Amino acid sequence: MNYTVTNESVGFVEVLKSKFTAFLFPCDDVEIFKKRLEEIRKANPKAKHIVYAYRIGVNSKSTDDREPKGTAGRPLLELLNKKNLNNAALIVVRYFGGSELGASRLLRTYVASGVDAINKASIVEM
């Protein structure tokens, strides 16, 4: 079974003063995703990283946005896959808190922010 979200939800995690805000929202078109990504970028000009993952129909994509390879976007995409969420996008905004987290903690924190957004979402079967 595939699921989707009906509205935008926001998750948040803070680790060593780094703040991770996750935006999970319904999205059935790549152009809609790009527009929302641009809105989030404009609203967060001082963010260190803005990573994302989406599953739209048969298309999926993720990016680490200069984080160490495989620590941000890919784990978010795997989270969407694991939850069978389709026509959904997850964008996480990171404000750097001054301390390096290390690859494994960074990965866990990005996933935790995504999980928080998913737990707050209204999810329906497609």
PDB file of N, CA and C in Angstrom:
ATOM      1  N   MET A   1       0.821  -1.193   0.000  1.00  0.00           N
ATOM      2  CA  MET A   1       0.000   0.000   0.000  1.00  0.00           C
ATOM      3  C   MET A   1       0.863   1.255   0.000  1.00  0.00           C
ATOM      4  N   ASN A   2       0.398   2.260  -0.704  1.00  0.00           N
ATOM      5  CA  ASN A   2       1.058   3.548  -0.706  1.00  0.00           C
ATOM      6  C   ASN A   2       0.219   4.550   0.065  1.00  0.00           C
ATOM      7  N   TYR A   3       0.922   5.486   0.674  1.00  0.00           N
ATOM      8  CA  TYR A   3       0.281   6.528   1.472  1.00  0.00           C
ATOM      9  C   TYR A   3       0.770   7.874   0.996  1.00  0.00           C
ATOM     10  N   THR A   4       0.055   8.909   1.396  1.00  0.00           N
ATOM     11  CA  THR A   4       0.493  10.270   1.144  1.00  0.00           C
ATOM     12  C   THR A   4       0.067  11.128   2.330  1.00  0.00           C
ATOM     13  N   VAL A   5       0.504  12.370   2.334  1.00  0.00           N
ATOM     14  CA  VAL A   5       0.115  13.308   3.393  1.00  0.00           C
ATOM     15  C   VAL A   5      -0.907  14.271   2.827  1.00  0.00           C
ATOM     16  N   THR A   6      -1.786  14.767   3.694  1.00  0.00           N
ATOM     17  CA  THR A   6      -2.850  15.656   3.229  1.00  0.00           C
ATOM     18  C   THR A   6      -2.537  17.130   3.454  1.00  0.00           C
ATOM     19  N   ASN A   7      -1.569  17.412   4.306  1.00  0.00           N
ATOM     20  CA  ASN A   7      -1.218  18.800   4.586  1.00  0.00           C
ATOM     21  C   ASN A   7       0.246  18.869   5.016  1.00  0.00           C
ATOM     22  N   GLU A   8       0.780  20.064   5.091  1.00  0.00           N
ATOM     23  CA  GLU A   8       2.174  20.225   5.511  1.00  0.00           C
ATOM     24  C   GLU A   8       2.285  20.064   7.015  1.00  0.00           C
ATOM     25  N   SER A   9       3.337  19.359   7.425  1.00  0.00           N
ATOM     26  CA  SER A   9       3.640  19.238   8.851  1.00  0.00           C
ATOM     27  C   SER A   9       5.105  19.618   9.045  1.00  0.00           C
ATOM     28  N   VAL A  10       5.425  20.049  10.255  1.00  0.00           N
ATOM     29  CA  VAL A  10       6.773  20.523  10.552  1.00  0.00           C
ATOM     30  C   VAL A  10       7.323  19.754  11.741  1.00  0.00           C
ATOM     31  N   GLY A  11       8.542  19.245  11.579  1.00  0.00           N
ATOM     32  CA  GLY A  11       9.238  18.559  12.665  1.00  0.00           C
ATOM     33  C   GLY A  11      10.461  19.354  13.066  1.00  0.00           C
ATOM     34  N   PHE A  12      10.958  19.110  14.264  1.00  0.00           N
ATOM     35  CA  PHE A  12      12.102  19.885  14.751  1.00  0.00           C
ATOM     36  C   PHE A  12      12.960  19.037  15.682  1.00  0.00           C
ATOM     37  N   VAL A  13      14.274  19.147  15.511  1.00  0.00           N
ATOM     38  CA  VAL A  13      15.237  18.505  16.403  1.00  0.00           C
ATOM     39  C   VAL A  13      16.389  19.486  16.596  1.00  0.00           C
ATOM     40  N   GLU A  14      16.895  19.558  17.822  1.00  0.00           N
ATOM     41  CA  GLU A  14      18.083  20.369  18.104  1.00  0.00           C
ATOM     42  C   GLU A  14      19.135  19.487  18.754  1.00  0.00           C
ATOM     43  N   VAL A  15      20.366  19.517  18.210  1.00  0.00           N
ATOM     44  CA  VAL A  15      21.480  18.742  18.736  1.00  0.00           C
ATOM     45  C   VAL A  15      22.716  19.635  18.755  1.00  0.00           C
ATOM     46  N   LEU A  16      23.329  19.784  19.915  1.00  0.00           N
ATOM     47  CA  LEU A  16      24.531  20.618  20.066  1.00  0.00           C
ATOM     48  C   LEU A  16      24.359  21.989  19.407  1.00  0.00           C
ATOM     49  N   LYS A  17      23.224  22.590  19.653  1.00  0.00           N
ATOM     50  CA  LYS A  17      22.870  23.919  19.168  1.00  0.00           C
ATOM     51  C   LYS A  17      22.605  24.007  17.663  1.00  0.00           C
ATOM     52  N   SER A  18      22.767  22.900  16.933  1.00  0.00           N
ATOM     53  CA  SER A  18      22.349  22.868  15.528  1.00  0.00           C
ATOM     54  C   SER A  18      20.850  22.597  15.511  1.00  0.00           C
ATOM     55  N   LYS A  19      20.141  23.355  14.686  1.00  0.00           N
ATOM     56  CA  LYS A  19      18.684  23.236  14.626  1.00  0.00           C
ATOM     57  C   LYS A  19      18.275  22.669  13.270  1.00  0.00           C
ATOM     58  N   PHE A  20      17.453  21.629  13.315  1.00  0.00           N
ATOM     59  CA  PHE A  20      16.982  20.933  12.121  1.00  0.00           C
ATOM     60  C   PHE A  20      15.464  21.050  12.069  1.00  0.00           C
ATOM     61  N   THR A  21      14.947  21.739  11.067  1.00  0.00           N
ATOM     62  CA  THR A  21      13.502  21.885  10.894  1.00  0.00           C
ATOM     63  C   THR A  21      13.106  21.161   9.621  1.00  0.00           C
ATOM     64  N   ALA A  22      12.197  20.189   9.771  1.00  0.00           N
ATOM     65  CA  ALA A  22      11.752  19.371   8.640  1.00  0.00           C
ATOM     66  C   ALA A  22      10.359  19.799   8.205  1.00  0.00           C
ATOM     67  N   PHE A  23      10.193  19.950   6.904  1.00  0.00           N
ATOM     68  CA  PHE A  23       8.898  20.280   6.298  1.00  0.00           C
ATOM     69  C   PHE A  23       8.473  19.108   5.427  1.00  0.00           C
ATOM     70  N   LEU A  24       7.386  18.454   5.797  1.00  0.00           N
ATOM     71  CA  LEU A  24       6.818  17.360   5.021  1.00  0.00           C
ATOM     72  C   LEU A  24       5.525  17.862   4.402  1.00  0.00           C
ATOM     73  N   PHE A  25       5.366  17.694   3.092  1.00  0.00           N
ATOM     74  CA  PHE A  25       4.168  18.227   2.457  1.00  0.00           C
ATOM     75  C   PHE A  25       3.761  17.381   1.253  1.00  0.00           C
ATOM     76  N   PRO A  26       2.453  17.422   0.916  1.00  0.00           N
ATOM     77  CA  PRO A  26       1.997  16.700  -0.263  1.00  0.00           C
ATOM     78  C   PRO A  26       2.517  17.378  -1.524  1.00  0.00           C
ATOM     79  N   CYS A  27       2.870  16.568  -2.515  1.00  0.00           N
ATOM     80  CA  CYS A  27       3.437  17.140  -3.740  1.00  0.00           C
ATOM     81  C   CYS A  27       3.283  16.123  -4.864  1.00  0.00           C
ATOM     82  N   ASP A  28       2.536  16.488  -5.898  1.00  0.00           N
ATOM     83  CA  ASP A  28       2.341  15.569  -7.009  1.00  0.00           C
ATOM     84  C   ASP A  28       2.937  16.093  -8.317  1.00  0.00           C
ATOM     85  N   ASP A  29       3.805  17.117  -8.200  1.00  0.00           N
ATOM     86  CA  ASP A  29       4.414  17.705  -9.384  1.00  0.00           C
ATOM     87  C   ASP A  29       5.774  18.288  -9.006  1.00  0.00           C
ATOM     88  N   VAL A  30       6.793  18.007  -9.806  1.00  0.00           N
ATOM     89  CA  VAL A  30       8.147  18.487  -9.507  1.00  0.00           C
ATOM     90  C   VAL A  30       8.202  20.006  -9.483  1.00  0.00           C
ATOM     91  N   GLU A  31       7.435  20.670 -10.318  1.00  0.00           N
ATOM     92  CA  GLU A  31       7.426  22.137 -10.332  1.00  0.00           C
ATOM     93  C   GLU A  31       6.869  22.705  -9.023  1.00  0.00           C
ATOM     94  N   ILE A  32       5.858  22.048  -8.465  1.00  0.00           N
ATOM     95  CA  ILE A  32       5.327  22.457  -7.158  1.00  0.00           C
ATOM     96  C   ILE A  32       6.398  22.297  -6.090  1.00  0.00           C
ATOM     97  N   PHE A  33       7.142  21.181  -6.166  1.00  0.00           N
ATOM     98  CA  PHE A  33       8.231  20.963  -5.212  1.00  0.00           C
ATOM     99  C   PHE A  33       9.271  22.079  -5.318  1.00  0.00           C
ATOM    100  N   LYS A  34       9.682  22.403  -6.538  1.00  0.00           N
ATOM    101  CA  LYS A  34      10.708  23.438  -6.735  1.00  0.00           C
ATOM    102  C   LYS A  34      10.253  24.784  -6.177  1.00  0.00           C
ATOM    103  N   LYS A  35       8.983  25.098  -6.353  1.00  0.00           N
ATOM    104  CA  LYS A  35       8.443  26.362  -5.842  1.00  0.00           C
ATOM    105  C   LYS A  35       8.508  26.387  -4.313  1.00  0.00           C
ATOM    106  N   ARG A  36       8.095  25.292  -3.675  1.00  0.00           N
ATOM    107  CA  ARG A  36       8.124  25.236  -2.197  1.00  0.00           C
ATOM    108  C   ARG A  36       9.557  25.272  -1.689  1.00  0.00           C
ATOM    109  N   LEU A  37      10.475  24.592  -2.362  1.00  0.00           N
ATOM    110  CA  LEU A  37      11.891  24.618  -1.982  1.00  0.00           C
ATOM    111  C   LEU A  37      12.421  26.049  -2.043  1.00  0.00           C
ATOM    112  N   GLU A  38      12.083  26.777  -3.086  1.00  0.00           N
ATOM    113  CA  GLU A  38      12.532  28.162  -3.227  1.00  0.00           C
ATOM    114  C   GLU A  38      11.951  29.046  -2.114  1.00  0.00           C
ATOM    115  N   GLU A  39      10.684  28.827  -1.770  1.00  0.00           N
ATOM    116  CA  GLU A  39      10.072  29.584  -0.664  1.00  0.00           C
ATOM    117  C   GLU A  39      10.816  29.336   0.645  1.00  0.00           C
ATOM    118  N   ILE A  40      11.160  28.092   0.893  1.00  0.00           N
ATOM    119  CA  ILE A  40      11.875  27.746   2.129  1.00  0.00           C
ATOM    120  C   ILE A  40      13.272  28.343   2.109  1.00  0.00           C
ATOM    121  N   ARG A  41      13.938  28.314   0.969  1.00  0.00           N
ATOM    122  CA  ARG A  41      15.275  28.925   0.865  1.00  0.00           C
ATOM    123  C   ARG A  41      15.218  30.430   1.140  1.00  0.00           C
ATOM    124  N   LYS A  42      14.226  31.106   0.568  1.00  0.00           N
ATOM    125  CA  LYS A  42      14.091  32.553   0.774  1.00  0.00           C
ATOM    126  C   LYS A  42      13.764  32.874   2.229  1.00  0.00           C
ATOM    127  N   ALA A  43      13.000  32.013   2.886  1.00  0.00           N
ATOM    128  CA  ALA A  43      12.629  32.239   4.286  1.00  0.00           C
ATOM    129  C   ALA A  43      13.765  31.912   5.257  1.00  0.00           C
ATOM    130  N   ASN A  44      14.804  31.220   4.784  1.00  0.00           N
ATOM    131  CA  ASN A  44      15.914  30.787   5.640  1.00  0.00           C
ATOM    132  C   ASN A  44      17.262  31.120   5.009  1.00  0.00           C
ATOM    133  N   PRO A  45      17.527  32.403   4.737  1.00  0.00           N
ATOM    134  CA  PRO A  45      18.749  32.762   4.000  1.00  0.00           C
ATOM    135  C   PRO A  45      20.044  32.464   4.762  1.00  0.00           C
ATOM    136  N   LYS A  46      19.969  32.317   6.069  1.00  0.00           N
ATOM    137  CA  LYS A  46      21.181  32.065   6.844  1.00  0.00           C
ATOM    138  C   LYS A  46      21.370  30.594   7.202  1.00  0.00           C
ATOM    139  N   ALA A  47      20.512  29.739   6.673  1.00  0.00           N
ATOM    140  CA  ALA A  47      20.642  28.305   6.930  1.00  0.00           C
ATOM    141  C   ALA A  47      21.938  27.782   6.309  1.00  0.00           C
ATOM    142  N   LYS A  48      22.603  26.888   7.012  1.00  0.00           N
ATOM    143  CA  LYS A  48      23.853  26.300   6.521  1.00  0.00           C
ATOM    144  C   LYS A  48      23.573  25.288   5.405  1.00  0.00           C
ATOM    145  N   HIS A  49      22.525  24.471   5.583  1.00  0.00           N
ATOM    146  CA  HIS A  49      22.182  23.443   4.600  1.00  0.00           C
ATOM    147  C   HIS A  49      20.663  23.340   4.480  1.00  0.00           C
ATOM    148  N   ILE A  50      20.201  23.080   3.272  1.00  0.00           N
ATOM    149  CA  ILE A  50      18.793  22.761   3.032  1.00  0.00           C
ATOM    150  C   ILE A  50      18.782  21.510   2.172  1.00  0.00           C
ATOM    151  N   VAL A  51      18.487  20.391   2.808  1.00  0.00           N
ATOM    152  CA  VAL A  51      18.508  19.101   2.122  1.00  0.00           C
ATOM    153  C   VAL A  51      17.084  18.649   1.840  1.00  0.00           C
ATOM    154  N   TYR A  52      16.930  17.732   0.901  1.00  0.00           N
ATOM    155  CA  TYR A  52      15.573  17.292   0.600  1.00  0.00           C
ATOM    156  C   TYR A  52      15.537  15.900   0.005  1.00  0.00           C
ATOM    157  N   ALA A  53      14.331  15.366   0.003  1.00  0.00           N
ATOM    158  CA  ALA A  53      14.010  14.120  -0.689  1.00  0.00           C
ATOM    159  C   ALA A  53      12.553  14.191  -1.084  1.00  0.00           C
ATOM    160  N   TYR A  54      12.240  13.595  -2.236  1.00  0.00           N
ATOM    161  CA  TYR A  54      10.837  13.507  -2.611  1.00  0.00           C
ATOM    162  C   TYR A  54      10.571  12.225  -3.386  1.00  0.00           C
ATOM    163  N   ARG A  55       9.311  11.795  -3.321  1.00  0.00           N
ATOM    164  CA  ARG A  55       8.774  10.703  -4.137  1.00  0.00           C
ATOM    165  C   ARG A  55       7.513  11.244  -4.792  1.00  0.00           C
ATOM    166  N   ILE A  56       7.578  11.407  -6.114  1.00  0.00           N
ATOM    167  CA  ILE A  56       6.442  11.930  -6.868  1.00  0.00           C
ATOM    168  C   ILE A  56       6.173  10.933  -7.991  1.00  0.00           C
ATOM    169  N   GLY A  57       5.076  10.189  -7.866  1.00  0.00           N
ATOM    170  CA  GLY A  57       4.790   9.144  -8.842  1.00  0.00           C
ATOM    171  C   GLY A  57       5.919   8.138  -8.872  1.00  0.00           C
ATOM    172  N   VAL A  58       6.500   7.920 -10.049  1.00  0.00           N
ATOM    173  CA  VAL A  58       7.620   6.975 -10.169  1.00  0.00           C
ATOM    174  C   VAL A  58       8.968   7.681 -10.008  1.00  0.00           C
ATOM    175  N   ASN A  59       8.963   8.996  -9.818  1.00  0.00           N
ATOM    176  CA  ASN A  59      10.197   9.771  -9.686  1.00  0.00           C
ATOM    177  C   ASN A  59      10.558   9.981  -8.231  1.00  0.00           C
ATOM    178  N   SER A  60      11.854   9.892  -7.961  1.00  0.00           N
ATOM    179  CA  SER A  60      12.343  10.219  -6.625  1.00  0.00           C
ATOM    180  C   SER A  60      13.704  10.899  -6.776  1.00  0.00           C
ATOM    181  N   LYS A  61      14.020  11.737  -5.795  1.00  0.00           N
ATOM    182  CA  LYS A  61      15.289  12.470  -5.838  1.00  0.00           C
ATOM    183  C   LYS A  61      15.646  12.904  -4.431  1.00  0.00           C
ATOM    184  N   SER A  62      16.943  13.045  -4.190  1.00  0.00           N
ATOM    185  CA  SER A  62      17.405  13.566  -2.905  1.00  0.00           C
ATOM    186  C   SER A  62      18.711  14.317  -3.112  1.00  0.00           C
ATOM    187  N   THR A  63      19.040  15.190  -2.158  1.00  0.00           N
ATOM    188  CA  THR A  63      20.320  15.892  -2.189  1.00  0.00           C
ATOM    189  C   THR A  63      20.818  16.095  -0.763  1.00  0.00           C
ATOM    190  N   ASP A  64      22.146  16.076  -0.621  1.00  0.00           N
ATOM    191  CA  ASP A  64      22.785  16.301   0.677  1.00  0.00           C
ATOM    192  C   ASP A  64      23.158  17.764   0.894  1.00  0.00           C
ATOM    193  N   ASP A  65      23.069  18.607  -0.133  1.00  0.00           N
ATOM    194  CA  ASP A  65      23.405  20.035  -0.036  1.00  0.00           C
ATOM    195  C   ASP A  65      24.697  20.290   0.749  1.00  0.00           C
ATOM    196  N   ARG A  66      25.781  19.707   0.286  1.00  0.00           N
ATOM    197  CA  ARG A  66      27.126  19.929   0.839  1.00  0.00           C
ATOM    198  C   ARG A  66      27.354  19.259   2.199  1.00  0.00           C
ATOM    199  N   GLU A  67      26.417  18.490   2.692  1.00  0.00           N
ATOM    200  CA  GLU A  67      26.682  17.669   3.878  1.00  0.00           C
ATOM    201  C   GLU A  67      27.499  16.465   3.398  1.00  0.00           C
ATOM    202  N   PRO A  68      28.171  15.754   4.317  1.00  0.00           N
ATOM    203  CA  PRO A  68      28.913  14.566   3.883  1.00  0.00           C
ATOM    204  C   PRO A  68      28.000  13.592   3.123  1.00  0.00           C
ATOM    205  N   LYS A  69      28.536  13.027   2.062  1.00  0.00           N
ATOM    206  CA  LYS A  69      27.740  12.175   1.165  1.00  0.00           C
ATOM    207  C   LYS A  69      27.006  11.075   1.934  1.00  0.00           C
ATOM    208  N   GLY A  70      25.713  10.970   1.653  1.00  0.00           N
ATOM    209  CA  GLY A  70      24.902   9.907   2.234  1.00  0.00           C
ATOM    210  C   GLY A  70      24.410  10.146   3.648  1.00  0.00           C
ATOM    211  N   THR A  71      24.608  11.349   4.190  1.00  0.00           N
ATOM    212  CA  THR A  71      24.208  11.608   5.581  1.00  0.00           C
ATOM    213  C   THR A  71      22.912  12.383   5.715  1.00  0.00           C
ATOM    214  N   ALA A  72      22.339  12.843   4.605  1.00  0.00           N
ATOM    215  CA  ALA A  72      21.186  13.740   4.727  1.00  0.00           C
ATOM    216  C   ALA A  72      20.064  13.364   3.764  1.00  0.00           C
ATOM    217  N   GLY A  73      20.216  13.678   2.498  1.00  0.00           N
ATOM    218  CA  GLY A  73      19.148  13.471   1.527  1.00  0.00           C
ATOM    219  C   GLY A  73      18.777  12.017   1.329  1.00  0.00           C
ATOM    220  N   ARG A  74      19.762  11.157   1.161  1.00  0.00           N
ATOM    221  CA  ARG A  74      19.501   9.742   0.925  1.00  0.00           C
ATOM    222  C   ARG A  74      18.760   9.097   2.098  1.00  0.00           C
ATOM    223  N   PRO A  75      19.177   9.347   3.345  1.00  0.00           N
ATOM    224  CA  PRO A  75      18.419   8.781   4.464  1.00  0.00           C
ATOM    225  C   PRO A  75      16.980   9.308   4.532  1.00  0.00           C
ATOM    226  N   LEU A  76      16.753  10.552   4.118  1.00  0.00           N
ATOM    227  CA  LEU A  76      15.387  11.081   4.085  1.00  0.00           C
ATOM    228  C   LEU A  76      14.565  10.362   3.020  1.00  0.00           C
ATOM    229  N   LEU A  77      15.171  10.092   1.868  1.00  0.00           N
ATOM    230  CA  LEU A  77      14.473   9.359   0.818  1.00  0.00           C
ATOM    231  C   LEU A  77      14.163   7.933   1.291  1.00  0.00           C
ATOM    232  N   GLU A  78      15.111   7.312   1.972  1.00  0.00           N
ATOM    233  CA  GLU A  78      14.872   5.973   2.513  1.00  0.00           C
ATOM    234  C   GLU A  78      13.736   5.987   3.537  1.00  0.00           C
ATOM    235  N   LEU A  79      13.619   7.068   4.299  1.00  0.00           N
ATOM    236  CA  LEU A  79      12.525   7.214   5.259  1.00  0.00           C
ATOM    237  C   LEU A  79      11.177   7.275   4.529  1.00  0.00           C
ATOM    238  N   LEU A  80      11.100   8.065   3.466  1.00  0.00           N
ATOM    239  CA  LEU A  80       9.870   8.124   2.671  1.00  0.00           C
ATOM    240  C   LEU A  80       9.529   6.749   2.096  1.00  0.00           C
ATOM    241  N   ASN A  81      10.556   6.047   1.607  1.00  0.00           N
ATOM    242  CA  ASN A  81      10.345   4.701   1.060  1.00  0.00           C
ATOM    243  C   ASN A  81       9.853   3.737   2.133  1.00  0.00           C
ATOM    244  N   LYS A  82      10.490   3.765   3.285  1.00  0.00           N
ATOM    245  CA  LYS A  82      10.136   2.854   4.380  1.00  0.00           C
ATOM    246  C   LYS A  82       8.688   3.070   4.842  1.00  0.00           C
ATOM    247  N   LYS A  83       8.251   4.323   4.843  1.00  0.00           N
ATOM    248  CA  LYS A  83       6.888   4.654   5.268  1.00  0.00           C
ATOM    249  C   LYS A  83       5.885   4.554   4.122  1.00  0.00           C
ATOM    250  N   ASN A  84       6.375   4.155   2.921  1.00  0.00           N
ATOM    251  CA  ASN A  84       5.528   4.054   1.723  1.00  0.00           C
ATOM    252  C   ASN A  84       4.804   5.368   1.421  1.00  0.00           C
ATOM    253  N   LEU A  85       5.482   6.490   1.653  1.00  0.00           N
ATOM    254  CA  LEU A  85       4.904   7.797   1.358  1.00  0.00           C
ATOM    255  C   LEU A  85       5.237   8.184  -0.075  1.00  0.00           C
ATOM    256  N   ASN A  86       4.190   8.423  -0.860  1.00  0.00           N
ATOM    257  CA  ASN A  86       4.370   8.839  -2.243  1.00  0.00           C
ATOM    258  C   ASN A  86       3.646  10.171  -2.444  1.00  0.00           C
ATOM    259  N   ASN A  87       4.018  10.860  -3.525  1.00  0.00           N
ATOM    260  CA  ASN A  87       3.506  12.217  -3.765  1.00  0.00           C
ATOM    261  C   ASN A  87       3.699  13.063  -2.511  1.00  0.00           C
ATOM    262  N   ALA A  88       4.914  12.948  -1.960  1.00  0.00           N
ATOM    263  CA  ALA A  88       5.282  13.668  -0.741  1.00  0.00           C
ATOM    264  C   ALA A  88       6.731  14.119  -0.862  1.00  0.00           C
ATOM    265  N   ALA A  89       7.017  15.244  -0.217  1.00  0.00           N
ATOM    266  CA  ALA A  89       8.374  15.784  -0.210  1.00  0.00           C
ATOM    267  C   ALA A  89       8.761  16.148   1.216  1.00  0.00           C
ATOM    268  N   LEU A  90      10.044  16.014   1.496  1.00  0.00           N
ATOM    269  CA  LEU A  90      10.591  16.302   2.816  1.00  0.00           C
ATOM    270  C   LEU A  90      11.803  17.202   2.624  1.00  0.00           C
ATOM    271  N   ILE A  91      11.736  18.403   3.196  1.00  0.00           N
ATOM    272  CA  ILE A  91      12.841  19.364   3.133  1.00  0.00           C
ATOM    273  C   ILE A  91      13.275  19.643   4.563  1.00  0.00           C
ATOM    274  N   VAL A  92      14.588  19.550   4.820  1.00  0.00           N
ATOM    275  CA  VAL A  92      15.100  19.826   6.159  1.00  0.00           C
ATOM    276  C   VAL A  92      16.085  20.990   6.087  1.00  0.00           C
ATOM    277  N   VAL A  93      15.824  21.994   6.912  1.00  0.00           N
ATOM    278  CA  VAL A  93      16.658  23.188   7.009  1.00  0.00           C
ATOM    279  C   VAL A  93      17.551  23.037   8.240  1.00  0.00           C
ATOM    280  N   ARG A  94      18.867  23.191   8.043  1.00  0.00           N
ATOM    281  CA  ARG A  94      19.801  23.083   9.166  1.00  0.00           C
ATOM    282  C   ARG A  94      20.502  24.408   9.406  1.00  0.00           C
ATOM    283  N   TYR A  95      20.399  24.865  10.650  1.00  0.00           N
ATOM    284  CA  TYR A  95      21.193  25.994  11.114  1.00  0.00           C
ATOM    285  C   TYR A  95      22.316  25.421  11.960  1.00  0.00           C
ATOM    286  N   PHE A  96      23.555  25.681  11.566  1.00  0.00           N
ATOM    287  CA  PHE A  96      24.733  25.134  12.231  1.00  0.00           C
ATOM    288  C   PHE A  96      24.913  25.765  13.601  1.00  0.00           C
ATOM    289  N   GLY A  97      25.131  24.934  14.611  1.00  0.00           N
ATOM    290  CA  GLY A  97      25.245  25.413  15.976  1.00  0.00           C
ATOM    291  C   GLY A  97      26.669  25.604  16.475  1.00  0.00           C
ATOM    292  N   GLY A  98      27.667  25.347  15.611  1.00  0.00           N
ATOM    293  CA  GLY A  98      29.046  25.582  16.010  1.00  0.00           C
ATOM    294  C   GLY A  98      29.840  24.331  16.299  1.00  0.00           C
ATOM    295  N   SER A  99      29.188  23.188  16.428  1.00  0.00           N
ATOM    296  CA  SER A  99      29.889  21.930  16.698  1.00  0.00           C
ATOM    297  C   SER A  99      29.635  20.941  15.571  1.00  0.00           C
ATOM    298  N   GLU A 100      30.694  20.285  15.118  1.00  0.00           N
ATOM    299  CA  GLU A 100      30.545  19.217  14.122  1.00  0.00           C
ATOM    300  C   GLU A 100      29.862  18.038  14.803  1.00  0.00           C
ATOM    301  N   LEU A 101      28.921  17.412  14.121  1.00  0.00           N
ATOM    302  CA  LEU A 101      28.176  16.309  14.712  1.00  0.00           C
ATOM    303  C   LEU A 101      28.754  14.948  14.359  1.00  0.00           C
ATOM    304  N   GLY A 102      29.552  14.877  13.316  1.00  0.00           N
ATOM    305  CA  GLY A 102      30.044  13.585  12.852  1.00  0.00           C
ATOM    306  C   GLY A 102      28.992  12.938  11.962  1.00  0.00           C
ATOM    307  N   ALA A 103      29.430  12.103  11.042  1.00  0.00           N
ATOM    308  CA  ALA A 103      28.536  11.552  10.025  1.00  0.00           C
ATOM    309  C   ALA A 103      27.375  10.756  10.612  1.00  0.00           C
ATOM    310  N   SER A 104      27.638   9.881  11.560  1.00  0.00           N
ATOM    311  CA  SER A 104      26.553   9.023  12.064  1.00  0.00           C
ATOM    312  C   SER A 104      25.522   9.827  12.855  1.00  0.00           C
ATOM    313  N   ARG A 105      25.974  10.756  13.675  1.00  0.00           N
ATOM    314  CA  ARG A 105      25.031  11.582  14.433  1.00  0.00           C
ATOM    315  C   ARG A 105      24.258  12.511  13.506  1.00  0.00           C
ATOM    316  N   LEU A 106      24.939  13.022  12.483  1.00  0.00           N
ATOM    317  CA  LEU A 106      24.292  13.885  11.504  1.00  0.00           C
ATOM    318  C   LEU A 106      23.162  13.127  10.799  1.00  0.00           C
ATOM    319  N   LEU A 107      23.459  11.918  10.352  1.00  0.00           N
ATOM    320  CA  LEU A 107      22.459  11.085   9.694  1.00  0.00           C
ATOM    321  C   LEU A 107      21.270  10.843  10.622  1.00  0.00           C
ATOM    322  N   ARG A 108      21.532  10.439  11.844  1.00  0.00           N
ATOM    323  CA  ARG A 108      20.451  10.162  12.802  1.00  0.00           C
ATOM    324  C   ARG A 108      19.612  11.405  13.072  1.00  0.00           C
ATOM    325  N   THR A 109      20.233  12.563  13.112  1.00  0.00           N
ATOM    326  CA  THR A 109      19.507  13.795  13.406  1.00  0.00           C
ATOM    327  C   THR A 109      18.617  14.208  12.237  1.00  0.00           C
ATOM    328  N   TYR A 110      19.131  14.107  11.022  1.00  0.00           N
ATOM    329  CA  TYR A 110      18.277  14.401   9.857  1.00  0.00           C
ATOM    330  C   TYR A 110      17.066  13.470   9.843  1.00  0.00           C
ATOM    331  N   VAL A 111      17.287  12.182  10.060  1.00  0.00           N
ATOM    332  CA  VAL A 111      16.180  11.219  10.076  1.00  0.00           C
ATOM    333  C   VAL A 111      15.212  11.538  11.214  1.00  0.00           C
ATOM    334  N   ALA A 112      15.733  11.877  12.388  1.00  0.00           N
ATOM    335  CA  ALA A 112      14.865  12.188  13.532  1.00  0.00           C
ATOM    336  C   ALA A 112      13.963  13.386  13.239  1.00  0.00           C
ATOM    337  N   SER A 113      14.488  14.392  12.557  1.00  0.00           N
ATOM    338  CA  SER A 113      13.650  15.547  12.225  1.00  0.00           C
ATOM    339  C   SER A 113      12.569  15.144  11.229  1.00  0.00           C
ATOM    340  N   GLY A 114      12.914  14.295  10.271  1.00  0.00           N
ATOM    341  CA  GLY A 114      11.927  13.797   9.320  1.00  0.00           C
ATOM    342  C   GLY A 114      10.859  12.950   9.990  1.00  0.00           C
ATOM    343  N   VAL A 115      11.270  12.097  10.915  1.00  0.00           N
ATOM    344  CA  VAL A 115      10.326  11.257  11.659  1.00  0.00           C
ATOM    345  C   VAL A 115       9.375  12.136  12.468  1.00  0.00           C
ATOM    346  N   ASP A 116       9.890  13.195  13.068  1.00  0.00           N
ATOM    347  CA  ASP A 116       9.040  14.104  13.842  1.00  0.00           C
ATOM    348  C   ASP A 116       7.963  14.722  12.943  1.00  0.00           C
ATOM    349  N   ALA A 117       8.346  15.137  11.737  1.00  0.00           N
ATOM    350  CA  ALA A 117       7.368  15.703  10.803  1.00  0.00           C
ATOM    351  C   ALA A 117       6.342  14.650  10.380  1.00  0.00           C
ATOM    352  N   ILE A 118       6.793  13.438  10.120  1.00  0.00           N
ATOM    353  CA  ILE A 118       5.884  12.356   9.728  1.00  0.00           C
ATOM    354  C   ILE A 118       4.905  12.040  10.852  1.00  0.00           C
ATOM    355  N   ASN A 119       5.422  12.012  12.079  1.00  0.00           N
ATOM    356  CA  ASN A 119       4.534  11.714  13.221  1.00  0.00           C
ATOM    357  C   ASN A 119       3.464  12.769  13.422  1.00  0.00           C
ATOM    358  N   LYS A 120       3.706  13.980  12.969  1.00  0.00           N
ATOM    359  CA  LYS A 120       2.747  15.073  13.107  1.00  0.00           C
ATOM    360  C   LYS A 120       1.820  15.208  11.897  1.00  0.00           C
ATOM    361  N   ALA A 121       2.081  14.414  10.860  1.00  0.00           N
ATOM    362  CA  ALA A 121       1.350  14.544   9.596  1.00  0.00           C
ATOM    363  C   ALA A 121       0.034  13.783   9.617  1.00  0.00           C
ATOM    364  N   SER A 122      -0.868  14.242   8.765  1.00  0.00           N
ATOM    365  CA  SER A 122      -2.097  13.520   8.499  1.00  0.00           C
ATOM    366  C   SER A 122      -1.819  12.644   7.271  1.00  0.00           C
ATOM    367  N   ILE A 123      -1.770  11.335   7.493  1.00  0.00           N
ATOM    368  CA  ILE A 123      -1.396  10.388   6.437  1.00  0.00           C
ATOM    369  C   ILE A 123      -2.623   9.594   6.016  1.00  0.00           C
ATOM    370  N   VAL A 124      -2.808   9.467   4.705  1.00  0.00           N
ATOM    371  CA  VAL A 124      -3.949   8.722   4.161  1.00  0.00           C
ATOM    372  C   VAL A 124      -3.463   7.727   3.117  1.00  0.00           C
ATOM    373  N   GLU A 125      -4.242   6.672   2.926  1.00  0.00           N
ATOM    374  CA  GLU A 125      -3.933   5.698   1.897  1.00  0.00           C
ATOM    375  C   GLU A 125      -4.262   6.295   0.528  1.00  0.00           C
ATOM    376  N   MET A 126      -3.418   6.004  -0.456  1.00  0.00           N
ATOM    377  CA  MET A 126      -3.638   6.525  -1.810  1.00  0.00           C
ATOM    378  C   MET A 126      -4.604   5.626  -2.573  1.00  0.00           C
TER     379      MET A 126
END
